[in-house]
Protein backbone atom coordinates (compact mmCIF):
# COMPACT_ATOMS: atom_id res chain seq x y z
CA MET A 1 2.36 6.97 -14.11
CA ILE A 2 2.79 7.78 -10.44
CA SER A 3 5.77 6.34 -8.61
CA PHE A 4 6.98 7.00 -5.11
CA LEU A 5 10.40 6.82 -3.47
CA GLY A 6 11.24 7.27 0.17
CA GLU A 7 10.39 6.45 3.73
CA TYR A 8 9.03 9.14 6.05
CA GLU A 9 7.81 9.31 9.63
CA SER A 10 4.65 11.07 10.69
CA THR A 11 2.29 11.13 13.65
CA ILE A 12 -1.42 10.56 13.95
CA ASP A 13 -3.31 13.24 15.85
CA THR A 14 -6.18 12.61 18.28
CA LYS A 15 -8.72 12.82 15.43
CA GLY A 16 -6.97 10.11 13.40
CA ARG A 17 -5.30 12.45 10.88
CA PHE A 18 -1.72 12.55 9.69
CA LEU A 19 0.21 14.98 7.53
CA LEU A 20 1.21 13.56 4.15
CA PRO A 21 4.97 14.23 3.91
CA ALA A 22 5.91 17.08 1.58
CA ALA A 23 8.25 14.78 -0.38
CA PHE A 24 5.32 12.50 -1.28
CA LYS A 25 3.13 15.50 -2.18
CA LYS A 26 5.90 16.72 -4.49
CA GLN A 27 6.12 13.27 -6.12
CA LEU A 28 2.37 13.39 -6.78
CA GLY A 29 2.84 16.50 -8.92
CA ASP A 30 -0.44 17.73 -10.39
CA VAL A 31 -2.28 14.50 -9.65
CA SER A 32 -5.58 14.71 -7.75
CA THR A 33 -5.58 14.95 -3.96
CA GLN A 34 -8.04 12.04 -3.82
CA PHE A 35 -6.93 8.64 -2.58
CA VAL A 36 -8.29 5.24 -1.64
CA ILE A 37 -6.97 3.76 1.59
CA ASN A 38 -7.20 0.05 2.20
CA ARG A 39 -5.84 -2.81 4.28
CA GLY A 40 -2.37 -3.89 3.21
CA PHE A 41 -1.30 -7.49 2.72
CA GLU A 42 0.66 -7.30 5.97
CA LYS A 43 -0.51 -5.45 9.11
CA CYS A 44 -0.31 -2.06 7.44
CA LEU A 45 -2.50 0.19 5.34
CA THR A 46 -2.08 0.97 1.67
CA LEU A 47 -2.73 4.44 0.33
CA TYR A 48 -3.49 4.52 -3.40
CA PRO A 49 -3.68 7.76 -5.35
CA GLN A 50 -6.99 7.64 -7.24
CA GLN A 51 -5.06 7.30 -10.50
CA SER A 52 -3.35 4.13 -9.21
CA TRP A 53 -6.53 2.66 -7.68
CA GLU A 54 -8.75 2.89 -10.78
CA PRO A 55 -6.95 0.24 -12.92
CA ILE A 56 -6.81 -2.14 -9.95
CA PHE A 57 -10.54 -1.71 -9.30
CA THR A 58 -11.32 -2.14 -13.01
CA ASN A 59 -9.26 -5.33 -13.07
CA ILE A 60 -11.01 -6.74 -10.00
CA SER A 61 -14.44 -5.85 -11.34
CA GLN A 62 -13.76 -7.90 -14.50
CA LEU A 63 -12.95 -11.11 -12.63
CA ASN A 64 -15.32 -14.09 -12.83
CA ASP A 65 -18.13 -13.82 -10.24
CA PHE A 66 -18.73 -17.57 -10.50
CA ASP A 67 -15.32 -18.39 -9.04
CA PRO A 68 -15.52 -18.65 -5.23
CA LYS A 69 -11.86 -17.61 -4.88
CA VAL A 70 -12.61 -14.42 -6.80
CA ARG A 71 -15.54 -13.64 -4.51
CA ALA A 72 -13.42 -14.31 -1.41
CA PHE A 73 -10.56 -12.17 -2.74
CA ARG A 74 -12.92 -9.29 -3.59
CA ARG A 75 -14.50 -9.37 -0.15
CA TYR A 76 -11.19 -9.35 1.63
CA PHE A 77 -9.43 -6.87 -0.64
CA LEU A 78 -12.27 -4.37 -1.06
CA ASN A 79 -13.58 -4.62 2.51
CA GLY A 80 -12.50 -1.41 4.16
CA ALA A 81 -11.39 0.37 0.98
CA THR A 82 -12.31 3.99 1.66
CA PRO A 83 -12.01 7.16 -0.42
CA VAL A 84 -10.06 9.90 1.40
CA GLU A 85 -8.94 13.36 0.36
CA LEU A 86 -6.23 15.73 1.54
CA ASP A 87 -7.68 18.54 3.64
CA THR A 88 -6.51 22.15 3.23
CA ALA A 89 -3.67 21.50 5.71
CA GLY A 90 -2.42 18.48 3.71
CA ARG A 91 -3.73 15.88 6.17
CA LEU A 92 -5.55 12.61 5.57
CA LEU A 93 -8.13 11.17 7.96
CA LEU A 94 -7.72 7.46 8.66
CA PRO A 95 -10.96 5.50 9.15
CA LYS A 96 -11.20 3.99 12.65
CA ASN A 97 -11.65 0.42 11.39
CA LEU A 98 -8.45 0.69 9.35
CA LEU A 99 -6.54 2.28 12.23
CA SER A 100 -7.52 -0.74 14.29
CA HIS A 101 -6.59 -3.26 11.57
CA ALA A 102 -3.02 -1.94 11.30
CA ALA A 103 -2.75 -1.20 15.06
CA LEU A 104 -1.85 2.41 14.30
CA GLU A 105 -1.73 4.62 17.36
CA LYS A 106 0.57 7.63 17.09
CA ASP A 107 3.96 7.17 15.41
CA ILE A 108 3.77 5.90 11.84
CA VAL A 109 6.08 5.32 8.90
CA LEU A 110 5.00 5.98 5.33
CA VAL A 111 6.89 3.81 2.86
CA SER A 112 6.97 3.99 -0.92
CA ALA A 113 5.60 0.88 -2.62
CA LEU A 114 5.94 1.78 -6.31
CA ASN A 115 2.62 3.47 -7.23
CA LYS A 116 1.22 3.45 -3.70
CA ILE A 117 2.26 4.19 -0.12
CA GLU A 118 2.23 1.76 2.79
CA ILE A 119 1.40 3.11 6.25
CA TRP A 120 2.90 1.18 9.16
CA ASP A 121 2.95 1.53 12.92
CA LYS A 122 6.54 2.64 13.56
CA LYS A 123 7.33 -0.16 16.03
CA ALA A 124 5.80 -2.83 13.77
CA TYR A 125 7.68 -1.47 10.74
CA ASP A 126 10.98 -1.39 12.61
CA GLN A 127 10.39 -4.97 13.77
CA PHE A 128 9.43 -6.13 10.26
CA PHE A 129 12.31 -4.34 8.57
CA ASN A 130 14.93 -5.32 11.15
CA SER A 131 13.88 -9.00 11.13
CA MET A 132 15.64 -9.48 7.78
CA THR A 133 19.34 -10.30 7.96
CA ASP A 134 21.75 -9.03 5.32
CA GLU A 135 22.18 -12.60 4.07
CA GLY A 136 18.43 -13.19 4.08
CA PHE A 137 17.88 -10.02 2.07
CA SER A 138 20.59 -11.02 -0.39
CA ASP A 139 18.96 -14.44 -0.88
CA LEU A 140 15.51 -12.88 -1.29
CA ALA A 141 16.81 -10.35 -3.83
CA ASN A 142 18.55 -13.10 -5.79
CA GLU A 143 15.42 -15.25 -5.88
CA VAL A 144 12.98 -12.47 -6.77
CA MET A 145 15.18 -10.69 -9.30
CA ASN A 146 16.24 -13.91 -11.04
CA ARG A 147 12.60 -14.91 -11.32
CA SER A 148 11.65 -11.59 -12.94
CA LEU A 149 14.70 -11.50 -15.21
CA ASN A 150 14.40 -15.16 -16.23
CA PRO A 151 10.70 -16.07 -16.21
CA PRO A 152 9.95 -19.80 -16.47
CA LYS A 153 9.44 -20.99 -20.01
CA ARG A 154 6.01 -22.34 -20.77
CA ASP A 155 5.63 -25.47 -22.80
CA PHE A 156 2.34 -25.38 -24.67
CA GLY A 157 3.00 -28.72 -26.35
CA LEU A 158 3.37 -27.18 -29.78
C-alpha cells in the first residue's frame, strides 16, 4: 500500500505544470507514474496514485444508483477527476478547471494525506494551517483519536 509523509513546496509554471517533489517520487517506489487528480474536500486538489484511486472508484461504482444522495455524491466527487501522468522531467500538468477550483496560481504546497497528496495554494494552506490554535488542535486530536480508539457500541437489540 502506498503511503506518503511530508509537506513540500513547489511552483506552477506558465503552462500549469509543477515538479513532483523528489521525496514523494521516492515514496512511490516502483509504482506507476499515472495518477488521478481531483477536487479536494476543501479548496485544494487531491492527487491519487492510480493504485490508490482504483479501489475508491470501484467502491463508488458499486453504490446504489437509485439513491439520489449517491448520484449527487458521484457527480460532485467524480466531476473533474482527470488522469495525469508524470512527464519525462517529473512534472504533472494541472487541468485548467482544477487550477481554477483550488485558486492555484504559482506557489503551492503538496501535503501528504495518507495514500494521496493534497495540493494547496501556499497562501490558502498557510491560512488554513495557521487558523488552528494549539488548544484547538489538542481538542480535535482528543476527539478524533478517542472516536477511532473507542468506537461507539452498536445495540442490535439481541
